[in-house]
Amino acid sequence: MFGNKKYLKNFRGKNNGFSKNGNTLCYGDYGLRSISWGNINSNQIESGRKVISRNIKKSGKLWIRIFPDRSYTKKPVDVRMGNGKGDIIFYVFYIKPGKIIYEIKGLNKIFSLKILKLASFKLPLKTSFIY
């Protein structure tokens, strides 16, 4: 369980509206911003991080601005209705349009655009390049 939360399993809820905070660059010069709604789990964040860190090597620095802190539950396939909520399968981050996902510093614009485009293929939502 991440952080100090009252309940281990939370409701799915609605993912509407736009991101109010975390929508401007804070640490880096270039970033990857979401332009659609969706859920990103920890495996997708990690695969994007691997692509970026493999390409920037030691010449640049990377910041990940999101953290998967909401639990995603699911009941097994051959189980009847009832008997409580299912087990936690993975953790997700509910993302809204405008939220910065990755930030890069120390590289030129063209190389940063190329790297962040490779990372965007690993994510299940539409993204845009920001500088």
N, C-alpha and C. Protein backbone atom coordinates (compact mmCIF):
# COMPACT_ATOMS: atom_id res chain seq x y z
N MET A 1 0.84 -1.18 0.00
CA MET A 1 0.00 0.00 0.00
C MET A 1 0.89 1.25 0.00
N PHE A 2 0.52 2.24 -0.80
CA PHE A 2 1.31 3.44 -0.92
C PHE A 2 0.74 4.54 -0.04
N GLY A 3 1.59 5.21 0.69
CA GLY A 3 1.17 6.36 1.48
C GLY A 3 0.31 5.98 2.66
N ASN A 4 -0.22 6.99 3.31
CA ASN A 4 -1.07 6.81 4.47
C ASN A 4 -2.51 7.02 4.03
N LYS A 5 -3.18 5.95 3.64
CA LYS A 5 -4.55 6.04 3.13
C LYS A 5 -5.51 5.39 4.11
N LYS A 6 -6.73 5.88 4.12
CA LYS A 6 -7.73 5.34 5.03
C LYS A 6 -8.21 3.97 4.57
N TYR A 7 -8.44 3.82 3.25
CA TYR A 7 -8.95 2.58 2.71
C TYR A 7 -7.97 1.99 1.71
N LEU A 8 -7.82 0.68 1.76
CA LEU A 8 -6.90 -0.02 0.87
C LEU A 8 -7.42 -0.06 -0.56
N LYS A 9 -8.73 -0.33 -0.71
CA LYS A 9 -9.35 -0.45 -2.03
C LYS A 9 -10.31 0.71 -2.24
N ASN A 10 -10.12 1.48 -3.28
CA ASN A 10 -10.97 2.64 -3.52
C ASN A 10 -11.86 2.42 -4.74
N PHE A 11 -12.89 3.26 -4.86
CA PHE A 11 -13.80 3.19 -5.99
C PHE A 11 -13.10 3.65 -7.26
N ARG A 12 -13.59 3.18 -8.40
CA ARG A 12 -13.01 3.60 -9.68
C ARG A 12 -13.24 5.08 -9.91
N GLY A 13 -14.44 5.56 -9.67
CA GLY A 13 -14.73 6.97 -9.80
C GLY A 13 -14.81 7.43 -11.24
N LYS A 14 -15.02 8.73 -11.42
CA LYS A 14 -15.08 9.33 -12.75
C LYS A 14 -13.78 10.08 -13.01
N ASN A 15 -13.34 10.00 -14.23
CA ASN A 15 -12.10 10.68 -14.62
C ASN A 15 -12.47 11.77 -15.62
N ASN A 16 -13.01 12.88 -15.13
CA ASN A 16 -13.40 13.96 -16.03
C ASN A 16 -12.76 15.27 -15.57
N GLY A 17 -12.85 16.30 -16.39
CA GLY A 17 -12.22 17.57 -16.08
C GLY A 17 -10.80 17.61 -16.61
N PHE A 18 -10.10 18.71 -16.29
CA PHE A 18 -8.74 18.90 -16.75
C PHE A 18 -7.81 19.03 -15.55
N SER A 19 -6.53 18.78 -15.77
CA SER A 19 -5.54 18.83 -14.70
C SER A 19 -5.34 20.27 -14.24
N LYS A 20 -5.50 20.49 -12.94
CA LYS A 20 -5.34 21.84 -12.39
C LYS A 20 -3.91 22.10 -11.94
N ASN A 21 -3.24 21.09 -11.42
CA ASN A 21 -1.85 21.26 -11.04
C ASN A 21 -1.00 20.17 -11.70
N GLY A 22 0.27 20.46 -11.86
CA GLY A 22 1.15 19.55 -12.58
C GLY A 22 1.06 19.71 -14.08
N ASN A 23 0.61 20.89 -14.53
CA ASN A 23 0.45 21.08 -15.97
C ASN A 23 1.46 22.06 -16.56
N THR A 24 2.48 22.44 -15.81
CA THR A 24 3.56 23.28 -16.33
C THR A 24 4.90 22.60 -16.05
N LEU A 25 5.91 22.94 -16.84
CA LEU A 25 7.24 22.38 -16.63
C LEU A 25 7.85 22.98 -15.38
N CYS A 26 8.37 22.15 -14.49
CA CYS A 26 8.98 22.62 -13.25
C CYS A 26 10.48 22.38 -13.22
N TYR A 27 10.91 21.20 -13.66
CA TYR A 27 12.30 20.80 -13.50
C TYR A 27 13.08 20.81 -14.81
N GLY A 28 12.48 20.34 -15.88
CA GLY A 28 13.19 20.20 -17.14
C GLY A 28 12.86 21.28 -18.16
N ASP A 29 13.49 21.16 -19.33
CA ASP A 29 13.27 22.09 -20.43
C ASP A 29 12.19 21.59 -21.39
N TYR A 30 12.05 20.27 -21.49
CA TYR A 30 11.08 19.66 -22.40
C TYR A 30 10.28 18.61 -21.65
N GLY A 31 9.05 18.39 -22.10
CA GLY A 31 8.21 17.42 -21.40
C GLY A 31 7.21 16.74 -22.30
N LEU A 32 6.57 15.72 -21.75
CA LEU A 32 5.52 14.97 -22.44
C LEU A 32 4.23 15.20 -21.67
N ARG A 33 3.24 15.80 -22.34
CA ARG A 33 1.98 16.16 -21.69
C ARG A 33 0.84 15.33 -22.26
N SER A 34 -0.08 14.90 -21.40
CA SER A 34 -1.23 14.12 -21.86
C SER A 34 -2.27 15.06 -22.45
N ILE A 35 -2.96 14.59 -23.49
CA ILE A 35 -4.05 15.38 -24.07
C ILE A 35 -5.35 14.58 -24.10
N SER A 36 -5.38 13.47 -23.35
CA SER A 36 -6.61 12.69 -23.23
C SER A 36 -6.68 12.07 -21.83
N TRP A 37 -7.86 11.56 -21.50
CA TRP A 37 -8.07 10.92 -20.21
C TRP A 37 -7.63 9.47 -20.28
N GLY A 38 -7.26 8.90 -19.11
CA GLY A 38 -6.92 7.48 -19.08
C GLY A 38 -6.28 7.07 -17.78
N ASN A 39 -5.96 5.79 -17.69
CA ASN A 39 -5.26 5.22 -16.54
C ASN A 39 -3.89 4.75 -17.01
N ILE A 40 -2.87 5.06 -16.23
CA ILE A 40 -1.52 4.58 -16.53
C ILE A 40 -1.09 3.74 -15.36
N ASN A 41 -0.70 2.48 -15.62
CA ASN A 41 -0.23 1.66 -14.51
C ASN A 41 1.29 1.72 -14.41
N SER A 42 1.83 1.10 -13.37
CA SER A 42 3.26 1.23 -13.08
C SER A 42 4.13 0.60 -14.16
N ASN A 43 3.65 -0.46 -14.81
CA ASN A 43 4.45 -1.09 -15.87
C ASN A 43 4.61 -0.16 -17.08
N GLN A 44 3.57 0.58 -17.40
CA GLN A 44 3.63 1.50 -18.54
C GLN A 44 4.56 2.68 -18.23
N ILE A 45 4.51 3.18 -17.00
CA ILE A 45 5.41 4.27 -16.60
C ILE A 45 6.86 3.79 -16.66
N GLU A 46 7.10 2.58 -16.18
CA GLU A 46 8.45 2.03 -16.15
C GLU A 46 8.98 1.76 -17.56
N SER A 47 8.15 1.28 -18.47
CA SER A 47 8.62 1.03 -19.83
C SER A 47 8.97 2.33 -20.54
N GLY A 48 8.20 3.40 -20.28
CA GLY A 48 8.54 4.71 -20.83
C GLY A 48 9.84 5.24 -20.25
N ARG A 49 10.03 5.02 -18.95
CA ARG A 49 11.27 5.47 -18.29
C ARG A 49 12.48 4.74 -18.88
N LYS A 50 12.35 3.45 -19.14
CA LYS A 50 13.46 2.68 -19.70
C LYS A 50 13.85 3.19 -21.09
N VAL A 51 12.86 3.50 -21.91
CA VAL A 51 13.13 4.01 -23.26
C VAL A 51 13.87 5.34 -23.19
N ILE A 52 13.41 6.23 -22.31
CA ILE A 52 14.04 7.55 -22.19
C ILE A 52 15.45 7.43 -21.64
N SER A 53 15.62 6.69 -20.53
CA SER A 53 16.94 6.61 -19.90
C SER A 53 17.95 5.86 -20.77
N ARG A 54 17.48 4.93 -21.60
CA ARG A 54 18.37 4.22 -22.52
C ARG A 54 18.91 5.18 -23.58
N ASN A 55 18.11 6.15 -23.98
CA ASN A 55 18.53 7.07 -25.04
C ASN A 55 19.29 8.29 -24.53
N ILE A 56 18.94 8.81 -23.35
CA ILE A 56 19.64 10.02 -22.89
C ILE A 56 20.99 9.69 -22.27
N LYS A 57 21.17 8.45 -21.80
CA LYS A 57 22.40 7.98 -21.17
C LYS A 57 22.79 8.93 -20.03
N LYS A 58 23.99 9.52 -20.07
CA LYS A 58 24.41 10.39 -18.97
C LYS A 58 24.41 11.86 -19.36
N SER A 59 23.96 12.16 -20.57
CA SER A 59 24.01 13.55 -21.03
C SER A 59 22.85 14.39 -20.51
N GLY A 60 21.75 13.78 -20.13
CA GLY A 60 20.58 14.53 -19.68
C GLY A 60 20.04 13.99 -18.37
N LYS A 61 18.96 14.61 -17.91
CA LYS A 61 18.31 14.19 -16.66
C LYS A 61 16.83 14.02 -16.92
N LEU A 62 16.22 13.04 -16.23
CA LEU A 62 14.82 12.70 -16.41
C LEU A 62 14.07 12.84 -15.09
N TRP A 63 12.86 13.41 -15.16
CA TRP A 63 11.95 13.46 -14.01
C TRP A 63 10.64 12.81 -14.40
N ILE A 64 10.13 11.94 -13.52
CA ILE A 64 8.81 11.35 -13.70
C ILE A 64 7.86 12.08 -12.77
N ARG A 65 6.84 12.73 -13.32
CA ARG A 65 5.98 13.61 -12.54
C ARG A 65 4.71 12.93 -12.01
N ILE A 66 4.51 11.65 -12.32
CA ILE A 66 3.31 10.96 -11.85
C ILE A 66 3.71 9.73 -11.05
N PHE A 67 2.81 9.29 -10.18
CA PHE A 67 3.05 8.10 -9.37
C PHE A 67 1.75 7.31 -9.26
N PRO A 68 1.77 6.01 -9.53
CA PRO A 68 0.53 5.21 -9.47
C PRO A 68 0.14 4.90 -8.03
N ASP A 69 -0.83 5.63 -7.50
CA ASP A 69 -1.18 5.49 -6.09
C ASP A 69 -2.61 4.99 -5.87
N ARG A 70 -3.37 4.72 -6.92
CA ARG A 70 -4.74 4.23 -6.78
C ARG A 70 -4.77 2.74 -7.09
N SER A 71 -5.38 1.97 -6.23
CA SER A 71 -5.43 0.52 -6.43
C SER A 71 -6.51 0.16 -7.45
N TYR A 72 -6.25 -0.85 -8.25
CA TYR A 72 -7.17 -1.34 -9.26
C TYR A 72 -7.49 -2.78 -8.91
N THR A 73 -8.76 -3.07 -8.60
CA THR A 73 -9.14 -4.39 -8.14
C THR A 73 -9.93 -5.14 -9.20
N LYS A 74 -9.92 -6.47 -9.07
CA LYS A 74 -10.67 -7.31 -10.01
C LYS A 74 -10.95 -8.64 -9.33
N LYS A 75 -12.15 -9.15 -9.56
CA LYS A 75 -12.50 -10.47 -9.03
C LYS A 75 -12.02 -11.56 -9.99
N PRO A 76 -11.72 -12.75 -9.48
CA PRO A 76 -11.32 -13.84 -10.37
C PRO A 76 -12.43 -14.22 -11.35
N VAL A 77 -12.09 -14.98 -12.38
CA VAL A 77 -13.02 -15.28 -13.46
C VAL A 77 -14.19 -16.16 -13.00
N ASP A 78 -13.93 -17.26 -12.33
CA ASP A 78 -14.97 -18.23 -11.98
C ASP A 78 -15.49 -18.03 -10.56
N VAL A 79 -15.81 -16.80 -10.19
CA VAL A 79 -16.30 -16.51 -8.84
C VAL A 79 -17.68 -15.88 -8.96
N ARG A 80 -18.60 -16.30 -8.08
CA ARG A 80 -19.95 -15.75 -8.11
C ARG A 80 -19.98 -14.32 -7.58
N MET A 81 -21.09 -13.63 -7.85
CA MET A 81 -21.26 -12.26 -7.39
C MET A 81 -21.31 -12.22 -5.86
N GLY A 82 -20.92 -11.09 -5.31
CA GLY A 82 -20.96 -10.92 -3.86
C GLY A 82 -19.62 -11.23 -3.23
N ASN A 83 -19.63 -11.43 -1.92
CA ASN A 83 -18.44 -11.76 -1.13
C ASN A 83 -17.36 -10.69 -1.21
N GLY A 84 -17.77 -9.44 -1.29
CA GLY A 84 -16.83 -8.33 -1.18
C GLY A 84 -16.12 -7.96 -2.47
N LYS A 85 -15.27 -6.97 -2.34
CA LYS A 85 -14.52 -6.45 -3.48
C LYS A 85 -13.37 -7.38 -3.80
N GLY A 86 -12.93 -7.39 -5.05
CA GLY A 86 -11.88 -8.30 -5.49
C GLY A 86 -10.50 -7.91 -4.99
N ASP A 87 -9.52 -8.70 -5.38
CA ASP A 87 -8.14 -8.47 -4.97
C ASP A 87 -7.52 -7.35 -5.80
N ILE A 88 -6.48 -6.72 -5.24
CA ILE A 88 -5.76 -5.66 -5.95
C ILE A 88 -4.89 -6.31 -7.03
N ILE A 89 -5.09 -5.89 -8.27
CA ILE A 89 -4.34 -6.43 -9.40
C ILE A 89 -3.07 -5.59 -9.64
N PHE A 90 -3.23 -4.27 -9.73
CA PHE A 90 -2.11 -3.36 -9.92
C PHE A 90 -2.52 -1.98 -9.45
N TYR A 91 -1.59 -1.05 -9.49
CA TYR A 91 -1.84 0.33 -9.11
C TYR A 91 -1.82 1.21 -10.35
N VAL A 92 -2.70 2.21 -10.38
CA VAL A 92 -2.81 3.09 -11.53
C VAL A 92 -2.75 4.55 -11.10
N PHE A 93 -2.50 5.41 -12.09
CA PHE A 93 -2.62 6.86 -11.91
C PHE A 93 -3.69 7.33 -12.87
N TYR A 94 -4.74 7.98 -12.36
CA TYR A 94 -5.82 8.51 -13.20
C TYR A 94 -5.33 9.82 -13.80
N ILE A 95 -5.13 9.83 -15.10
CA ILE A 95 -4.54 11.00 -15.74
C ILE A 95 -5.59 11.80 -16.49
N LYS A 96 -5.45 13.13 -16.43
CA LYS A 96 -6.36 14.06 -17.10
C LYS A 96 -5.57 14.85 -18.14
N PRO A 97 -6.26 15.46 -19.10
CA PRO A 97 -5.55 16.27 -20.10
C PRO A 97 -4.81 17.44 -19.46
N GLY A 98 -3.59 17.67 -19.92
CA GLY A 98 -2.78 18.77 -19.42
C GLY A 98 -1.72 18.35 -18.42
N LYS A 99 -1.78 17.13 -17.92
CA LYS A 99 -0.83 16.66 -16.91
C LYS A 99 0.51 16.32 -17.56
N ILE A 100 1.60 16.80 -16.96
CA ILE A 100 2.95 16.49 -17.44
C ILE A 100 3.33 15.11 -16.91
N ILE A 101 3.81 14.23 -17.78
CA ILE A 101 4.17 12.87 -17.39
C ILE A 101 5.68 12.75 -17.17
N TYR A 102 6.47 13.13 -18.18
CA TYR A 102 7.93 13.08 -18.10
C TYR A 102 8.51 14.46 -18.40
N GLU A 103 9.67 14.76 -17.78
CA GLU A 103 10.42 15.98 -18.10
C GLU A 103 11.87 15.61 -18.34
N ILE A 104 12.49 16.30 -19.30
CA ILE A 104 13.89 16.06 -19.67
C ILE A 104 14.64 17.38 -19.64
N LYS A 105 15.90 17.32 -19.21
CA LYS A 105 16.76 18.50 -19.21
C LYS A 105 18.15 18.10 -19.69
N GLY A 106 18.84 19.01 -20.37
CA GLY A 106 20.21 18.79 -20.77
C GLY A 106 20.40 18.28 -22.18
N LEU A 107 19.35 18.27 -22.99
CA LEU A 107 19.45 17.81 -24.38
C LEU A 107 18.88 18.88 -25.30
N ASN A 108 19.21 18.79 -26.60
CA ASN A 108 18.64 19.76 -27.53
C ASN A 108 17.20 19.39 -27.89
N LYS A 109 16.52 20.30 -28.54
CA LYS A 109 15.08 20.16 -28.78
C LYS A 109 14.74 18.99 -29.70
N ILE A 110 15.48 18.82 -30.78
CA ILE A 110 15.17 17.77 -31.76
C ILE A 110 15.38 16.38 -31.16
N PHE A 111 16.48 16.21 -30.42
CA PHE A 111 16.76 14.92 -29.78
C PHE A 111 15.74 14.62 -28.69
N SER A 112 15.34 15.64 -27.93
CA SER A 112 14.32 15.46 -26.89
C SER A 112 12.98 15.07 -27.48
N LEU A 113 12.62 15.70 -28.59
CA LEU A 113 11.36 15.36 -29.27
C LEU A 113 11.35 13.91 -29.72
N LYS A 114 12.49 13.46 -30.26
CA LYS A 114 12.60 12.08 -30.74
C LYS A 114 12.47 11.08 -29.59
N ILE A 115 13.12 11.37 -28.47
CA ILE A 115 13.09 10.47 -27.31
C ILE A 115 11.69 10.41 -26.70
N LEU A 116 11.07 11.56 -26.51
CA LEU A 116 9.74 11.58 -25.90
C LEU A 116 8.68 10.97 -26.82
N LYS A 117 8.90 11.03 -28.11
CA LYS A 117 7.98 10.37 -29.04
C LYS A 117 8.07 8.85 -28.90
N LEU A 118 9.28 8.33 -28.70
CA LEU A 118 9.45 6.90 -28.46
C LEU A 118 8.76 6.48 -27.17
N ALA A 119 8.86 7.31 -26.14
CA ALA A 119 8.22 6.99 -24.86
C ALA A 119 6.70 7.07 -24.96
N SER A 120 6.19 7.95 -25.83
CA SER A 120 4.74 8.09 -25.95
C SER A 120 4.09 6.85 -26.57
N PHE A 121 4.85 6.07 -27.34
CA PHE A 121 4.32 4.84 -27.91
C PHE A 121 4.06 3.79 -26.84
N LYS A 122 4.69 3.91 -25.69
CA LYS A 122 4.51 2.96 -24.59
C LYS A 122 3.31 3.29 -23.72
N LEU A 123 2.70 4.46 -23.92
CA LEU A 123 1.59 4.90 -23.07
C LEU A 123 0.25 4.69 -23.76
N PRO A 124 -0.82 4.40 -23.00
CA PRO A 124 -2.12 4.10 -23.60
C PRO A 124 -3.00 5.31 -23.85
N LEU A 125 -2.41 6.49 -24.01
CA LEU A 125 -3.20 7.70 -24.24
C LEU A 125 -2.47 8.64 -25.18
N LYS A 126 -3.17 9.67 -25.64
CA LYS A 126 -2.59 10.64 -26.56
C LYS A 126 -1.75 11.64 -25.77
N THR A 127 -0.58 11.97 -26.31
CA THR A 127 0.32 12.91 -25.64
C THR A 127 0.82 13.94 -26.63
N SER A 128 1.41 15.01 -26.09
CA SER A 128 2.01 16.04 -26.92
C SER A 128 3.33 16.48 -26.31
N PHE A 129 4.21 17.03 -27.14
CA PHE A 129 5.52 17.53 -26.73
C PHE A 129 5.37 18.96 -26.25
N ILE A 130 5.99 19.30 -25.12
CA ILE A 130 5.88 20.65 -24.58
C ILE A 130 7.28 21.17 -24.26
N TYR A 131 7.50 22.47 -24.47
CA TYR A 131 8.77 23.12 -24.12
C TYR A 131 8.55 24.54 -23.68
